Amino acid sequence: MIKKISKIPFRGTPEQEARLRAIINESKHDKHLLMTVMQKAQDIYGYLPFEVQVMIAEGMEVPLEKVYGVSTFYAQFALSPKGKYNVSVCLGTACYVKGSQAVLDEICNVLGIGPGECTEDTKFSVEECRCVGACGLAPVFMVNDDVYGRVTPDQVKDILAKYE
């Protein structure tokens, strides 16, 4: 899976930066703590924008390429912020066989973004996932904790309109 870098401008606060720098200072003596620092940075910012990756690389004295490599290798890291409404489309076997790819395509079409991206107003983000445990309702997608089952592409626009 290729992760996309956010098109949304970085909006970190001085308070967030101070928290991250304190974490880096506590951990910079041990390069093995890189992932831990990255996890804490994502907790602070909600994702790992380029600017945060640079702070981590410089503070931990590791190459930026290493930070980027870790952030793109592990699924737990996001390079784009999550929207107020995170749309998660199940592409597990049962959902995929029943048409979840077409549902995902329509969600992306309606929102004007692709998987792993966030709308410029940060209202919606879209992600693909594997099995949400609702195979009997396939195909399924979720908006935050709201589950929509047996969805067809022509229902997508009306469902998303509930969150406008």
N, C-alpha and C. Protein backbone atom coordinates (compact mmCIF):
# COMPACT_ATOMS: atom_id res chain seq x y z
N MET A 1 0.84 -1.18 0.00
CA MET A 1 0.00 0.00 0.00
C MET A 1 0.89 1.25 0.00
N ILE A 2 0.63 2.15 -0.90
CA ILE A 2 1.37 3.40 -0.97
C ILE A 2 0.61 4.44 -0.17
N LYS A 3 1.29 5.09 0.74
CA LYS A 3 0.67 6.14 1.54
C LYS A 3 0.87 7.47 0.85
N LYS A 4 -0.18 8.26 0.84
CA LYS A 4 -0.10 9.56 0.21
C LYS A 4 0.25 10.61 1.25
N ILE A 5 1.04 11.56 0.82
CA ILE A 5 1.41 12.67 1.68
C ILE A 5 0.29 13.70 1.61
N SER A 6 -0.04 14.28 2.72
CA SER A 6 -1.15 15.22 2.82
C SER A 6 -0.95 16.47 1.98
N LYS A 7 -2.04 16.91 1.37
CA LYS A 7 -2.04 18.18 0.64
C LYS A 7 -2.48 19.33 1.55
N ILE A 8 -2.88 18.98 2.75
CA ILE A 8 -3.37 19.97 3.70
C ILE A 8 -2.18 20.62 4.40
N PRO A 9 -2.16 21.94 4.48
CA PRO A 9 -1.03 22.62 5.15
C PRO A 9 -0.89 22.19 6.61
N PHE A 10 0.34 22.09 7.06
CA PHE A 10 0.64 21.72 8.44
C PHE A 10 0.20 22.85 9.37
N ARG A 11 -0.52 22.49 10.42
CA ARG A 11 -1.04 23.50 11.35
C ARG A 11 -0.68 23.16 12.79
N GLY A 12 0.56 22.77 13.02
CA GLY A 12 0.99 22.45 14.37
C GLY A 12 1.08 23.70 15.23
N THR A 13 0.88 23.50 16.52
CA THR A 13 0.93 24.62 17.46
C THR A 13 2.27 24.61 18.21
N PRO A 14 2.65 25.73 18.79
CA PRO A 14 3.87 25.76 19.61
C PRO A 14 3.80 24.76 20.78
N GLU A 15 2.62 24.58 21.34
CA GLU A 15 2.45 23.63 22.46
C GLU A 15 2.73 22.20 21.99
N GLN A 16 2.22 21.85 20.80
CA GLN A 16 2.48 20.52 20.27
C GLN A 16 3.97 20.32 20.03
N GLU A 17 4.60 21.31 19.45
CA GLU A 17 6.04 21.22 19.18
C GLU A 17 6.82 21.06 20.47
N ALA A 18 6.46 21.80 21.51
CA ALA A 18 7.16 21.70 22.80
C ALA A 18 7.02 20.29 23.37
N ARG A 19 5.82 19.72 23.28
CA ARG A 19 5.60 18.35 23.77
C ARG A 19 6.47 17.35 23.01
N LEU A 20 6.50 17.50 21.67
CA LEU A 20 7.29 16.58 20.86
C LEU A 20 8.78 16.73 21.16
N ARG A 21 9.25 17.96 21.26
CA ARG A 21 10.68 18.17 21.54
C ARG A 21 11.08 17.58 22.90
N ALA A 22 10.19 17.66 23.88
CA ALA A 22 10.47 17.06 25.19
C ALA A 22 10.59 15.53 25.07
N ILE A 23 9.71 14.93 24.29
CA ILE A 23 9.76 13.48 24.08
C ILE A 23 11.05 13.09 23.36
N ILE A 24 11.40 13.86 22.34
CA ILE A 24 12.63 13.59 21.60
C ILE A 24 13.84 13.70 22.52
N ASN A 25 13.89 14.75 23.34
CA ASN A 25 15.03 14.95 24.25
C ASN A 25 15.18 13.80 25.24
N GLU A 26 14.05 13.24 25.67
CA GLU A 26 14.09 12.10 26.60
C GLU A 26 14.59 10.82 25.93
N SER A 27 14.43 10.75 24.60
CA SER A 27 14.68 9.49 23.89
C SER A 27 15.87 9.51 22.95
N LYS A 28 16.44 10.67 22.68
CA LYS A 28 17.45 10.77 21.64
C LYS A 28 18.72 9.97 21.91
N HIS A 29 18.93 9.57 23.14
CA HIS A 29 20.11 8.78 23.50
C HIS A 29 20.04 7.34 22.97
N ASP A 30 18.84 6.90 22.59
CA ASP A 30 18.64 5.51 22.16
C ASP A 30 17.88 5.47 20.84
N LYS A 31 18.59 5.19 19.77
CA LYS A 31 17.99 5.16 18.42
C LYS A 31 16.90 4.09 18.30
N HIS A 32 16.93 3.08 19.18
CA HIS A 32 15.91 2.04 19.15
C HIS A 32 14.53 2.57 19.56
N LEU A 33 14.49 3.77 20.11
CA LEU A 33 13.22 4.36 20.53
C LEU A 33 12.55 5.18 19.42
N LEU A 34 13.10 5.11 18.21
CA LEU A 34 12.55 5.89 17.10
C LEU A 34 11.05 5.64 16.91
N MET A 35 10.65 4.38 16.85
CA MET A 35 9.22 4.09 16.64
C MET A 35 8.37 4.61 17.80
N THR A 36 8.87 4.51 19.00
CA THR A 36 8.14 5.02 20.16
C THR A 36 7.94 6.52 20.04
N VAL A 37 8.99 7.23 19.64
CA VAL A 37 8.90 8.68 19.46
C VAL A 37 7.89 8.99 18.35
N MET A 38 7.93 8.22 17.28
CA MET A 38 6.99 8.44 16.17
C MET A 38 5.55 8.19 16.61
N GLN A 39 5.33 7.16 17.41
CA GLN A 39 3.98 6.88 17.91
C GLN A 39 3.48 8.02 18.79
N LYS A 40 4.35 8.52 19.65
CA LYS A 40 3.97 9.63 20.52
C LYS A 40 3.72 10.90 19.71
N ALA A 41 4.52 11.10 18.66
CA ALA A 41 4.32 12.27 17.79
C ALA A 41 2.96 12.17 17.10
N GLN A 42 2.61 10.98 16.66
CA GLN A 42 1.30 10.81 16.02
C GLN A 42 0.18 11.02 17.03
N ASP A 43 0.38 10.64 18.27
CA ASP A 43 -0.62 10.90 19.31
C ASP A 43 -0.81 12.42 19.49
N ILE A 44 0.28 13.16 19.40
CA ILE A 44 0.22 14.61 19.58
C ILE A 44 -0.46 15.30 18.41
N TYR A 45 -0.06 14.94 17.19
CA TYR A 45 -0.53 15.64 16.00
C TYR A 45 -1.69 14.95 15.28
N GLY A 46 -1.90 13.67 15.56
CA GLY A 46 -2.95 12.91 14.88
C GLY A 46 -2.47 12.25 13.60
N TYR A 47 -1.29 12.62 13.15
CA TYR A 47 -0.66 12.04 11.97
C TYR A 47 0.80 12.48 11.96
N LEU A 48 1.57 12.06 10.95
CA LEU A 48 2.99 12.41 10.89
C LEU A 48 3.28 13.24 9.64
N PRO A 49 3.00 14.53 9.70
CA PRO A 49 3.31 15.38 8.55
C PRO A 49 4.82 15.48 8.35
N PHE A 50 5.21 15.92 7.18
CA PHE A 50 6.63 16.05 6.83
C PHE A 50 7.39 16.86 7.88
N GLU A 51 6.82 17.96 8.31
CA GLU A 51 7.49 18.84 9.27
C GLU A 51 7.80 18.11 10.58
N VAL A 52 6.91 17.25 11.00
CA VAL A 52 7.11 16.48 12.24
C VAL A 52 8.19 15.42 12.01
N GLN A 53 8.18 14.80 10.84
CA GLN A 53 9.20 13.81 10.52
C GLN A 53 10.60 14.45 10.53
N VAL A 54 10.69 15.68 10.04
CA VAL A 54 11.96 16.40 10.05
C VAL A 54 12.40 16.66 11.49
N MET A 55 11.48 17.11 12.35
CA MET A 55 11.83 17.35 13.76
C MET A 55 12.34 16.07 14.42
N ILE A 56 11.68 14.96 14.13
CA ILE A 56 12.08 13.68 14.72
C ILE A 56 13.46 13.28 14.21
N ALA A 57 13.66 13.37 12.90
CA ALA A 57 14.95 12.97 12.32
C ALA A 57 16.09 13.81 12.89
N GLU A 58 15.91 15.11 12.92
CA GLU A 58 16.96 15.99 13.44
C GLU A 58 17.18 15.76 14.93
N GLY A 59 16.11 15.65 15.69
CA GLY A 59 16.23 15.49 17.13
C GLY A 59 16.81 14.15 17.55
N MET A 60 16.45 13.10 16.80
CA MET A 60 16.96 11.76 17.12
C MET A 60 18.29 11.48 16.43
N GLU A 61 18.71 12.42 15.57
CA GLU A 61 19.95 12.28 14.81
C GLU A 61 19.95 11.00 13.98
N VAL A 62 18.85 10.82 13.24
CA VAL A 62 18.73 9.72 12.28
C VAL A 62 18.37 10.34 10.93
N PRO A 63 18.68 9.65 9.84
CA PRO A 63 18.34 10.21 8.53
C PRO A 63 16.82 10.34 8.36
N LEU A 64 16.43 11.41 7.71
CA LEU A 64 15.01 11.62 7.42
C LEU A 64 14.44 10.43 6.65
N GLU A 65 15.25 9.84 5.79
CA GLU A 65 14.80 8.68 5.01
C GLU A 65 14.38 7.52 5.91
N LYS A 66 15.05 7.38 7.03
CA LYS A 66 14.69 6.30 7.97
C LYS A 66 13.34 6.58 8.60
N VAL A 67 13.12 7.81 9.02
CA VAL A 67 11.83 8.18 9.62
C VAL A 67 10.71 7.98 8.59
N TYR A 68 10.94 8.46 7.39
CA TYR A 68 9.95 8.30 6.32
C TYR A 68 9.71 6.83 6.01
N GLY A 69 10.78 6.06 5.96
CA GLY A 69 10.66 4.63 5.68
C GLY A 69 9.81 3.92 6.72
N VAL A 70 10.03 4.23 7.98
CA VAL A 70 9.24 3.62 9.06
C VAL A 70 7.79 4.07 8.96
N SER A 71 7.59 5.36 8.69
CA SER A 71 6.21 5.89 8.65
C SER A 71 5.41 5.34 7.48
N THR A 72 6.08 4.95 6.40
CA THR A 72 5.35 4.41 5.25
C THR A 72 5.27 2.88 5.28
N PHE A 73 6.14 2.25 6.05
CA PHE A 73 6.12 0.79 6.12
C PHE A 73 5.02 0.28 7.04
N TYR A 74 4.85 0.91 8.19
CA TYR A 74 3.90 0.43 9.19
C TYR A 74 2.53 1.08 9.01
N ALA A 75 1.50 0.25 8.96
CA ALA A 75 0.13 0.73 8.73
C ALA A 75 -0.37 1.63 9.85
N GLN A 76 0.23 1.56 11.02
CA GLN A 76 -0.24 2.36 12.15
C GLN A 76 0.02 3.86 11.98
N PHE A 77 0.91 4.20 11.06
CA PHE A 77 1.25 5.61 10.86
C PHE A 77 0.47 6.20 9.69
N ALA A 78 0.03 7.44 9.86
CA ALA A 78 -0.71 8.15 8.82
C ALA A 78 0.08 9.39 8.42
N LEU A 79 0.13 9.66 7.12
CA LEU A 79 0.81 10.85 6.63
C LEU A 79 -0.17 11.98 6.35
N SER A 80 -1.44 11.70 6.48
CA SER A 80 -2.49 12.71 6.30
C SER A 80 -3.34 12.76 7.56
N PRO A 81 -3.88 13.93 7.86
CA PRO A 81 -4.75 14.00 9.04
C PRO A 81 -6.04 13.23 8.81
N LYS A 82 -6.68 12.85 9.87
CA LYS A 82 -8.00 12.24 9.79
C LYS A 82 -9.02 13.35 9.83
N GLY A 83 -10.07 13.18 9.06
CA GLY A 83 -11.13 14.17 9.05
C GLY A 83 -12.03 14.03 10.27
N LYS A 84 -12.89 15.00 10.46
CA LYS A 84 -13.88 14.93 11.54
C LYS A 84 -14.69 13.65 11.37
N TYR A 85 -14.95 13.30 10.11
CA TYR A 85 -15.66 12.07 9.78
C TYR A 85 -14.71 11.17 9.00
N ASN A 86 -14.27 10.09 9.63
CA ASN A 86 -13.37 9.15 8.98
C ASN A 86 -14.20 8.04 8.35
N VAL A 87 -14.14 7.95 7.03
CA VAL A 87 -14.88 6.93 6.29
C VAL A 87 -13.95 5.76 6.05
N SER A 88 -14.32 4.61 6.56
CA SER A 88 -13.50 3.41 6.47
C SER A 88 -14.28 2.35 5.69
N VAL A 89 -13.75 1.95 4.55
CA VAL A 89 -14.44 1.00 3.66
C VAL A 89 -13.78 -0.37 3.79
N CYS A 90 -14.59 -1.37 4.12
CA CYS A 90 -14.07 -2.73 4.27
C CYS A 90 -13.80 -3.33 2.90
N LEU A 91 -12.57 -3.79 2.72
CA LEU A 91 -12.19 -4.50 1.49
C LEU A 91 -11.82 -5.95 1.80
N GLY A 92 -12.34 -6.45 2.93
CA GLY A 92 -12.15 -7.86 3.25
C GLY A 92 -12.86 -8.71 2.21
N THR A 93 -12.60 -9.99 2.22
CA THR A 93 -13.10 -10.88 1.17
C THR A 93 -14.60 -10.79 0.95
N ALA A 94 -15.40 -10.94 2.00
CA ALA A 94 -16.86 -10.93 1.84
C ALA A 94 -17.34 -9.60 1.26
N CYS A 95 -16.82 -8.50 1.78
CA CYS A 95 -17.23 -7.18 1.28
C CYS A 95 -16.75 -6.95 -0.15
N TYR A 96 -15.52 -7.35 -0.43
CA TYR A 96 -14.96 -7.14 -1.77
C TYR A 96 -15.78 -7.90 -2.81
N VAL A 97 -16.09 -9.16 -2.51
CA VAL A 97 -16.86 -9.98 -3.44
C VAL A 97 -18.24 -9.38 -3.69
N LYS A 98 -18.79 -8.72 -2.69
CA LYS A 98 -20.12 -8.12 -2.82
C LYS A 98 -20.10 -6.69 -3.33
N GLY A 99 -18.92 -6.16 -3.72
CA GLY A 99 -18.87 -4.87 -4.39
C GLY A 99 -18.33 -3.70 -3.62
N SER A 100 -17.56 -3.94 -2.58
CA SER A 100 -17.07 -2.80 -1.79
C SER A 100 -16.10 -1.91 -2.56
N GLN A 101 -15.40 -2.44 -3.56
CA GLN A 101 -14.50 -1.58 -4.34
C GLN A 101 -15.30 -0.51 -5.08
N ALA A 102 -16.46 -0.88 -5.62
CA ALA A 102 -17.31 0.11 -6.30
C ALA A 102 -17.84 1.14 -5.31
N VAL A 103 -18.14 0.71 -4.09
CA VAL A 103 -18.58 1.64 -3.04
C VAL A 103 -17.44 2.60 -2.69
N LEU A 104 -16.24 2.06 -2.51
CA LEU A 104 -15.07 2.91 -2.23
C LEU A 104 -14.85 3.91 -3.36
N ASP A 105 -14.92 3.44 -4.58
CA ASP A 105 -14.73 4.34 -5.73
C ASP A 105 -15.74 5.47 -5.72
N GLU A 106 -16.99 5.17 -5.38
CA GLU A 106 -18.02 6.21 -5.35
C GLU A 106 -17.80 7.19 -4.19
N ILE A 107 -17.39 6.68 -3.04
CA ILE A 107 -17.08 7.56 -1.90
C ILE A 107 -15.97 8.53 -2.31
N CYS A 108 -14.93 8.02 -2.92
CA CYS A 108 -13.81 8.87 -3.36
C CYS A 108 -14.28 9.88 -4.40
N ASN A 109 -15.16 9.45 -5.29
CA ASN A 109 -15.70 10.35 -6.31
C ASN A 109 -16.52 11.48 -5.67
N VAL A 110 -17.38 11.13 -4.75
CA VAL A 110 -18.24 12.12 -4.08
C VAL A 110 -17.40 13.12 -3.28
N LEU A 111 -16.40 12.63 -2.57
CA LEU A 111 -15.59 13.50 -1.71
C LEU A 111 -14.43 14.17 -2.44
N GLY A 112 -14.08 13.66 -3.60
CA GLY A 112 -12.98 14.25 -4.37
C GLY A 112 -11.60 13.96 -3.80
N ILE A 113 -11.49 12.86 -3.06
CA ILE A 113 -10.20 12.46 -2.50
C ILE A 113 -10.04 10.96 -2.68
N GLY A 114 -8.82 10.48 -2.51
CA GLY A 114 -8.55 9.06 -2.58
C GLY A 114 -8.34 8.46 -1.21
N PRO A 115 -8.21 7.14 -1.15
CA PRO A 115 -7.92 6.49 0.13
C PRO A 115 -6.63 7.06 0.74
N GLY A 116 -6.64 7.26 2.04
CA GLY A 116 -5.49 7.81 2.74
C GLY A 116 -5.42 9.32 2.69
N GLU A 117 -6.46 9.96 2.15
CA GLU A 117 -6.46 11.41 2.03
C GLU A 117 -7.57 12.02 2.88
N CYS A 118 -7.48 13.33 3.04
CA CYS A 118 -8.45 14.10 3.82
C CYS A 118 -8.90 15.28 2.96
N THR A 119 -10.19 15.63 3.05
CA THR A 119 -10.67 16.78 2.31
C THR A 119 -10.00 18.04 2.85
N GLU A 120 -9.88 19.05 2.01
CA GLU A 120 -9.17 20.28 2.41
C GLU A 120 -9.81 20.95 3.62
N ASP A 121 -11.11 20.79 3.79
CA ASP A 121 -11.78 21.38 4.95
C ASP A 121 -11.66 20.49 6.19
N THR A 122 -10.93 19.39 6.07
CA THR A 122 -10.70 18.38 7.11
C THR A 122 -12.00 17.78 7.67
N LYS A 123 -13.05 17.83 6.88
CA LYS A 123 -14.31 17.26 7.32
C LYS A 123 -14.34 15.74 7.14
N PHE A 124 -13.80 15.25 6.01
CA PHE A 124 -13.82 13.82 5.71
C PHE A 124 -12.43 13.30 5.40
N SER A 125 -12.18 12.07 5.82
CA SER A 125 -11.01 11.33 5.36
C SER A 125 -11.51 9.94 4.96
N VAL A 126 -10.75 9.30 4.11
CA VAL A 126 -11.14 7.98 3.60
C VAL A 126 -9.99 7.01 3.80
N GLU A 127 -10.32 5.80 4.23
CA GLU A 127 -9.31 4.77 4.34
C GLU A 127 -9.92 3.42 3.97
N GLU A 128 -9.05 2.56 3.49
CA GLU A 128 -9.43 1.18 3.22
C GLU A 128 -9.11 0.37 4.46
N CYS A 129 -9.89 -0.64 4.74
CA CYS A 129 -9.55 -1.51 5.86
C CYS A 129 -9.88 -2.95 5.48
N ARG A 130 -9.41 -3.84 6.27
CA ARG A 130 -9.72 -5.26 6.09
C ARG A 130 -10.70 -5.66 7.17
N CYS A 131 -11.57 -6.51 6.91
CA CYS A 131 -12.64 -7.03 7.75
C CYS A 131 -12.96 -6.23 9.02
N VAL A 132 -14.19 -5.74 9.07
CA VAL A 132 -14.68 -5.05 10.27
C VAL A 132 -15.56 -5.97 11.11
N GLY A 133 -15.66 -7.22 10.69
CA GLY A 133 -16.42 -8.21 11.45
C GLY A 133 -17.92 -8.14 11.22
N ALA A 134 -18.33 -7.59 10.12
CA ALA A 134 -19.76 -7.50 9.79
C ALA A 134 -20.01 -8.14 8.43
N CYS A 135 -19.42 -9.30 8.22
CA CYS A 135 -19.45 -9.96 6.91
C CYS A 135 -20.88 -10.24 6.43
N GLY A 136 -21.79 -10.48 7.34
CA GLY A 136 -23.18 -10.74 6.98
C GLY A 136 -23.88 -9.52 6.41
N LEU A 137 -23.28 -8.34 6.58
CA LEU A 137 -23.86 -7.09 6.07
C LEU A 137 -23.12 -6.59 4.84
N ALA A 138 -22.23 -7.39 4.28
CA ALA A 138 -21.38 -6.97 3.16
C ALA A 138 -22.19 -6.44 1.98
N PRO A 139 -21.65 -5.40 1.31
CA PRO A 139 -20.45 -4.64 1.63
C PRO A 139 -20.73 -3.58 2.71
N VAL A 140 -19.71 -3.31 3.50
CA VAL A 140 -19.85 -2.44 4.66
C VAL A 140 -18.86 -1.28 4.59
N PHE A 141 -19.33 -0.10 5.03
CA PHE A 141 -18.39 0.98 5.32
C PHE A 141 -18.85 1.66 6.58
N MET A 142 -17.91 2.35 7.21
CA MET A 142 -18.19 3.03 8.48
C MET A 142 -17.86 4.50 8.34
N VAL A 143 -18.64 5.32 9.02
CA VAL A 143 -18.32 6.73 9.19
C VAL A 143 -18.17 6.89 10.69
N ASN A 144 -16.93 7.06 11.13
CA ASN A 144 -16.58 7.00 12.55
C ASN A 144 -17.10 5.68 13.10
N ASP A 145 -18.04 5.69 14.03
CA ASP A 145 -18.56 4.45 14.60
C ASP A 145 -19.88 4.00 13.99
N ASP A 146 -20.41 4.74 13.02
CA ASP A 146 -21.66 4.38 12.37
C ASP A 146 -21.39 3.37 11.26
N VAL A 147 -22.07 2.23 11.30
CA VAL A 147 -21.87 1.16 10.33
C VAL A 147 -22.99 1.17 9.31
N TYR A 148 -22.61 1.09 8.04
CA TYR A 148 -23.58 1.02 6.94
C TYR A 148 -23.34 -0.27 6.19
N GLY A 149 -24.36 -1.13 6.15
CA GLY A 149 -24.23 -2.43 5.51
C GLY A 149 -25.14 -2.58 4.31
N ARG A 150 -24.78 -3.58 3.49
CA ARG A 150 -25.50 -3.87 2.25
C ARG A 150 -25.63 -2.61 1.39
N VAL A 151 -24.54 -1.86 1.33
CA VAL A 151 -24.51 -0.57 0.66
C VAL A 151 -24.24 -0.76 -0.84
N THR A 152 -24.90 0.05 -1.63
CA THR A 152 -24.64 0.09 -3.06
C THR A 152 -24.07 1.47 -3.38
N PRO A 153 -23.34 1.57 -4.48
CA PRO A 153 -22.74 2.87 -4.82
C PRO A 153 -23.76 4.00 -4.93
N ASP A 154 -24.98 3.71 -5.37
CA ASP A 154 -25.97 4.78 -5.52
C ASP A 154 -26.50 5.29 -4.18
N GLN A 155 -26.20 4.62 -3.07
CA GLN A 155 -26.61 5.09 -1.74
C GLN A 155 -25.57 6.00 -1.08
N VAL A 156 -24.36 5.98 -1.60
CA VAL A 156 -23.23 6.67 -0.97
C VAL A 156 -23.49 8.16 -0.77
N LYS A 157 -23.92 8.84 -1.80
CA LYS A 157 -24.10 10.29 -1.73
C LYS A 157 -25.08 10.68 -0.61
N ASP A 158 -26.19 9.96 -0.51
CA ASP A 158 -27.18 10.27 0.52
C ASP A 158 -26.64 9.98 1.92
N ILE A 159 -25.88 8.89 2.06
CA ILE A 159 -25.32 8.57 3.38
C ILE A 159 -24.34 9.65 3.81
N LEU A 160 -23.44 10.04 2.91
CA LEU A 160 -22.45 11.08 3.26
C LEU A 160 -23.10 12.42 3.51
N ALA A 161 -24.22 12.70 2.86
CA ALA A 161 -24.91 13.97 3.05
C ALA A 161 -25.40 14.14 4.49
N LYS A 162 -25.61 13.04 5.20
CA LYS A 162 -26.03 13.12 6.61
C LYS A 162 -24.98 13.81 7.48
N TYR A 163 -23.74 13.82 7.00
CA TYR A 163 -22.63 14.36 7.79
C TYR A 163 -22.21 15.77 7.34
N GLU A 164 -22.94 16.33 6.41
CA GLU A 164 -22.60 17.68 5.90
C GLU A 164 -23.01 18.75 6.88
